[in-house]
């Protein structure tokens, strides 16, 4: 397969680019490990999340895909059924505690999508390079991609339909098969951007945190 054909088969899933009424807020009750750096106190940050995700939504109805403003992906039952029926690979589902802003439980069921598919490290040819790494706490800074055509190395991809590439754990990549499934079902609340159309601001950096904080992919 040519590089052009491969690029045409990979997309990034994301929200619709607007903070509409169907966006979700990470709510009280969600907890994370706290990471303190012995060498650099300014590196204090959150680590792995402990327990389920708690969210609040503005109304008791939602799109099929729901995104928190932090980038977490939640899906409704009919999306889960479609992924299961289509034998999609590269993800796990986790429970979510969802309520409206007035504290009432929502009437629909949501599950958080955890990506388990993997396409390895973005190669230096993509423009992604490690700029800084703290030996004490693992805080790292990477340069953002400058050539998305080289972001994903096909030989490093595990073949999953849903996957990520390091150090972009918040970027959910999918194959054309998943995009076709979404379009045919008419699912709402999601956009699919071809890999070739992704762009990053010049000089932008990435700070994903230590890899081991992104469970379950790097837990072992």
Protein backbone atom coordinates (compact mmCIF):
# COMPACT_ATOMS: atom_id res chain seq x y z
CA UNK A 1 0.00 0.00 0.00
CA UNK A 2 1.34 3.43 -0.90
CA UNK A 3 1.87 6.11 1.73
CA UNK A 4 -0.92 8.15 0.13
CA UNK A 5 -3.37 5.25 0.29
CA UNK A 6 -2.41 4.58 3.90
CA UNK A 7 -2.97 8.21 4.88
CA UNK A 8 -6.41 8.11 3.27
CA UNK A 9 -7.34 5.16 5.50
CA UNK A 10 -6.53 6.84 8.86
CA UNK A 11 -8.65 9.47 10.61
CA UNK A 12 -8.68 11.31 13.89
CA UNK A 13 -11.94 11.25 15.84
CA UNK A 14 -12.78 14.39 17.79
CA UNK A 15 -15.66 16.52 18.97
CA UNK A 16 -17.45 18.97 16.71
CA UNK A 17 -15.17 21.83 17.66
CA UNK A 18 -17.73 23.79 19.64
CA UNK A 19 -18.62 23.72 23.30
CA UNK A 20 -22.27 22.93 22.72
CA UNK A 21 -24.90 21.87 25.21
CA UNK A 22 -23.96 18.22 24.79
CA UNK A 23 -20.41 18.66 26.06
CA UNK A 24 -19.62 17.03 29.41
CA UNK A 25 -17.78 18.46 32.39
CA UNK A 26 -15.45 16.32 34.49
CA UNK A 27 -17.21 16.55 37.85
CA UNK A 28 -16.51 16.30 41.55
CA UNK A 29 -15.88 12.70 42.53
CA UNK A 30 -13.27 12.11 39.83
CA UNK A 31 -9.90 11.64 41.50
CA UNK A 32 -6.34 11.30 40.29
CA UNK A 33 -3.03 10.38 41.79
CA UNK A 34 -0.94 13.43 42.68
CA UNK A 35 2.61 13.45 41.35
CA UNK A 36 5.16 15.60 43.15
CA UNK A 37 8.65 16.08 41.78
CA UNK A 38 11.48 15.93 44.31
CA UNK A 39 13.76 17.90 42.01
CA UNK A 40 11.37 20.44 40.49
CA UNK A 41 8.26 21.39 42.55
CA UNK A 42 6.80 23.19 39.51
CA UNK A 43 6.40 19.77 37.87
CA UNK A 44 3.51 18.94 40.23
CA UNK A 45 0.74 17.31 38.17
CA UNK A 46 -2.00 14.71 38.20
CA UNK A 47 -1.13 11.09 37.51
CA UNK A 48 -3.38 8.12 36.83
CA UNK A 49 -7.07 8.51 37.44
CA UNK A 50 -8.35 6.53 40.41
CA UNK A 51 -11.77 4.98 39.93
CA UNK A 52 -14.52 5.87 37.43
CA UNK A 53 -15.00 9.12 35.59
CA UNK A 54 -17.69 11.41 37.04
CA UNK A 55 -19.29 13.85 34.62
CA UNK A 56 -22.01 16.47 34.50
CA UNK A 57 -24.09 17.27 31.43
CA UNK A 58 -26.32 20.29 30.87
CA UNK A 59 -29.40 18.33 29.91
CA UNK A 60 -30.83 14.83 30.21
CA UNK A 61 -30.20 13.89 26.57
CA UNK A 62 -27.09 13.72 24.48
CA UNK A 63 -25.39 12.94 21.21
CA UNK A 64 -24.23 9.40 20.49
CA UNK A 65 -20.63 10.51 21.09
CA UNK A 66 -20.05 12.69 24.14
CA UNK A 67 -16.74 14.43 24.83
CA UNK A 68 -15.55 16.03 28.02
CA UNK A 69 -13.75 19.32 27.65
CA UNK A 70 -10.61 17.45 28.76
CA UNK A 71 -10.88 15.16 25.73
CA UNK A 72 -12.36 12.00 27.26
CA UNK A 73 -14.63 10.06 24.89
CA UNK A 74 -17.95 8.60 26.05
CA UNK A 75 -20.38 6.63 23.91
CA UNK A 76 -24.00 5.64 24.17
CA UNK A 77 -25.43 2.14 23.93
CA UNK A 78 -26.18 2.08 20.22
CA UNK A 79 -22.59 3.04 19.41
CA UNK A 80 -21.34 0.25 21.65
CA UNK A 81 -23.64 -2.21 19.88
CA UNK A 82 -22.44 -1.08 16.46
CA UNK A 83 -18.77 -1.41 17.44
CA UNK A 84 -19.42 -4.84 18.90
CA UNK A 85 -21.45 -6.03 15.90
CA UNK A 86 -18.74 -4.69 13.59
CA UNK A 87 -16.04 -6.51 15.58
CA UNK A 88 -14.10 -3.29 16.08
CA UNK A 89 -10.78 -3.70 17.87
CA UNK A 90 -8.46 -1.52 19.93
CA UNK A 91 -10.64 -0.28 22.77
CA UNK A 92 -12.09 -1.09 26.17
CA UNK A 93 -15.19 0.31 27.86
CA UNK A 94 -15.36 1.62 31.41
CA UNK A 95 -18.31 2.72 33.55
CA UNK A 96 -19.15 6.40 33.91
CA UNK A 97 -21.10 8.14 36.66
CA UNK A 98 -23.14 10.78 34.86
CA UNK A 99 -25.53 13.37 36.24
CA UNK A 100 -27.11 16.63 35.18
CA UNK A 101 -25.98 19.98 36.56
CA UNK A 102 -28.71 19.78 39.22
CA UNK A 103 -27.32 16.47 40.46
CA UNK A 104 -29.88 14.09 38.99
CA UNK A 105 -28.72 10.85 37.31
CA UNK A 106 -29.13 10.93 33.53
CA UNK A 107 -31.65 8.64 31.85
CA UNK A 108 -29.19 7.25 29.29
CA UNK A 109 -26.21 4.97 29.72
CA UNK A 110 -22.69 6.13 28.87
CA UNK A 111 -19.39 4.26 28.79
CA UNK A 112 -15.91 5.72 28.60
CA UNK A 113 -13.74 4.55 25.71
CA UNK A 114 -10.18 3.61 26.65
CA UNK A 115 -7.97 3.14 23.60
CA UNK A 116 -5.81 0.01 23.69
CA UNK A 117 -4.71 -0.09 20.03
CA UNK A 118 -1.20 1.20 19.45
CA UNK A 119 0.94 2.42 16.59
CA UNK A 120 4.17 2.97 18.50
CA UNK A 121 6.21 6.15 18.81
CA UNK A 122 5.96 8.95 16.30
CA UNK A 123 9.32 8.85 14.45
CA UNK A 124 11.71 11.82 14.37
CA UNK A 125 10.92 12.22 10.66
CA UNK A 126 7.46 13.41 11.70
CA UNK A 127 8.98 16.31 13.60
CA UNK A 128 8.18 14.80 17.00
CA UNK A 129 11.23 14.88 19.23
CA UNK A 130 11.81 14.68 22.95
CA UNK A 131 12.83 18.17 24.05
CA UNK A 132 13.00 17.63 27.79
CA UNK A 133 12.58 14.78 30.25
CA UNK A 134 12.76 15.10 34.03
CA UNK A 135 14.66 12.14 35.52
CA UNK A 136 12.93 12.62 38.86
CA UNK A 137 9.23 12.56 37.91
CA UNK A 138 9.03 11.70 34.21
CA UNK A 139 7.63 15.06 33.10
CA UNK A 140 8.38 15.31 29.38
CA UNK A 141 8.02 17.86 26.62
CA UNK A 142 7.91 16.89 22.94
CA UNK A 143 7.82 18.96 19.80
CA UNK A 144 4.54 18.70 17.86
CA UNK A 145 4.43 17.02 14.44
CA UNK A 146 5.53 19.05 11.44
CA UNK A 147 4.98 16.30 8.84
CA UNK A 148 1.82 14.29 9.57
CA UNK A 149 2.51 12.05 6.57
CA UNK A 150 5.24 10.48 8.70
CA UNK A 151 3.42 10.48 12.02
CA UNK A 152 2.40 6.82 11.93
CA UNK A 153 4.79 4.02 11.00
CA UNK A 154 2.73 1.25 9.47
CA UNK A 155 5.07 -1.49 10.70
CA UNK A 156 4.58 -0.27 14.30
CA UNK A 157 0.77 -0.33 14.09
CA UNK A 158 -0.79 -3.36 15.81
CA UNK A 159 -3.64 -3.53 13.29
CA UNK A 160 -6.36 -2.25 15.65
CA UNK A 161 -9.29 -0.28 14.27
CA UNK A 162 -8.94 2.26 17.09
CA UNK A 163 -5.46 3.28 18.18
CA UNK A 164 -3.11 5.99 19.34
CA UNK A 165 0.45 6.97 18.64
CA UNK A 166 2.80 8.27 21.32
CA UNK A 167 3.17 11.08 22.44
CA UNK A 168 -0.38 12.04 21.38
CA UNK A 169 -2.56 9.97 23.76
CA UNK A 170 -5.51 12.35 23.41
CA UNK A 171 -5.60 11.83 19.64
CA UNK A 172 -7.92 8.92 18.86
CA UNK A 173 -7.05 7.49 15.46
CA UNK A 174 -9.33 5.08 13.60
CA UNK A 175 -9.41 3.23 10.32
CA UNK A 176 -11.79 4.02 7.48
CA UNK A 177 -13.85 1.02 8.54
CA UNK A 178 -14.83 2.82 11.76
CA UNK A 179 -15.57 6.06 9.92
CA UNK A 180 -17.82 4.19 7.50
CA UNK A 181 -19.64 2.55 10.42
CA UNK A 182 -20.23 5.96 12.03
CA UNK A 183 -21.52 7.51 8.82
CA UNK A 184 -23.79 4.60 7.89
CA UNK A 185 -25.37 4.61 11.35
CA UNK A 186 -25.74 8.38 11.39
CA UNK A 187 -24.12 8.76 14.79
CA UNK A 188 -23.99 12.27 16.20
CA UNK A 189 -21.44 14.28 18.17
CA UNK A 190 -18.28 13.23 16.35
CA UNK A 191 -16.10 14.41 13.49
CA UNK A 192 -13.51 12.41 11.55
CA UNK A 193 -10.54 14.31 10.17
CA UNK A 194 -8.28 12.54 7.65
CA UNK A 195 -4.75 12.15 8.95
CA UNK A 196 -3.41 14.08 5.97
CA UNK A 197 -5.46 17.14 7.02
CA UNK A 198 -4.18 17.36 10.59
CA UNK A 199 -2.14 20.44 11.37
CA UNK A 200 -0.29 21.85 14.36
CA UNK A 201 0.82 25.36 15.14
CA UNK A 202 4.44 26.07 14.37
CA UNK A 203 6.54 25.63 17.48
CA UNK A 204 3.78 23.84 19.40
CA UNK A 205 4.75 21.34 22.06
CA UNK A 206 3.18 18.23 23.60
CA UNK A 207 3.15 17.39 27.31
CA UNK A 208 1.40 14.01 27.63
CA UNK A 209 2.90 13.05 30.98
CA UNK A 210 4.61 9.73 31.70
CA UNK A 211 3.49 6.88 29.46
CA UNK A 212 2.69 4.62 32.41
CA UNK A 213 -0.09 6.99 33.47
CA UNK A 214 -2.08 6.10 30.36
CA UNK A 215 -3.69 2.85 31.40
CA UNK A 216 -4.20 0.17 30.30
CA UNK A 217 -1.91 0.62 27.34
CA UNK A 218 1.31 1.22 29.25
CA UNK A 219 0.43 -0.33 32.58
CA UNK A 220 2.60 -3.40 32.07
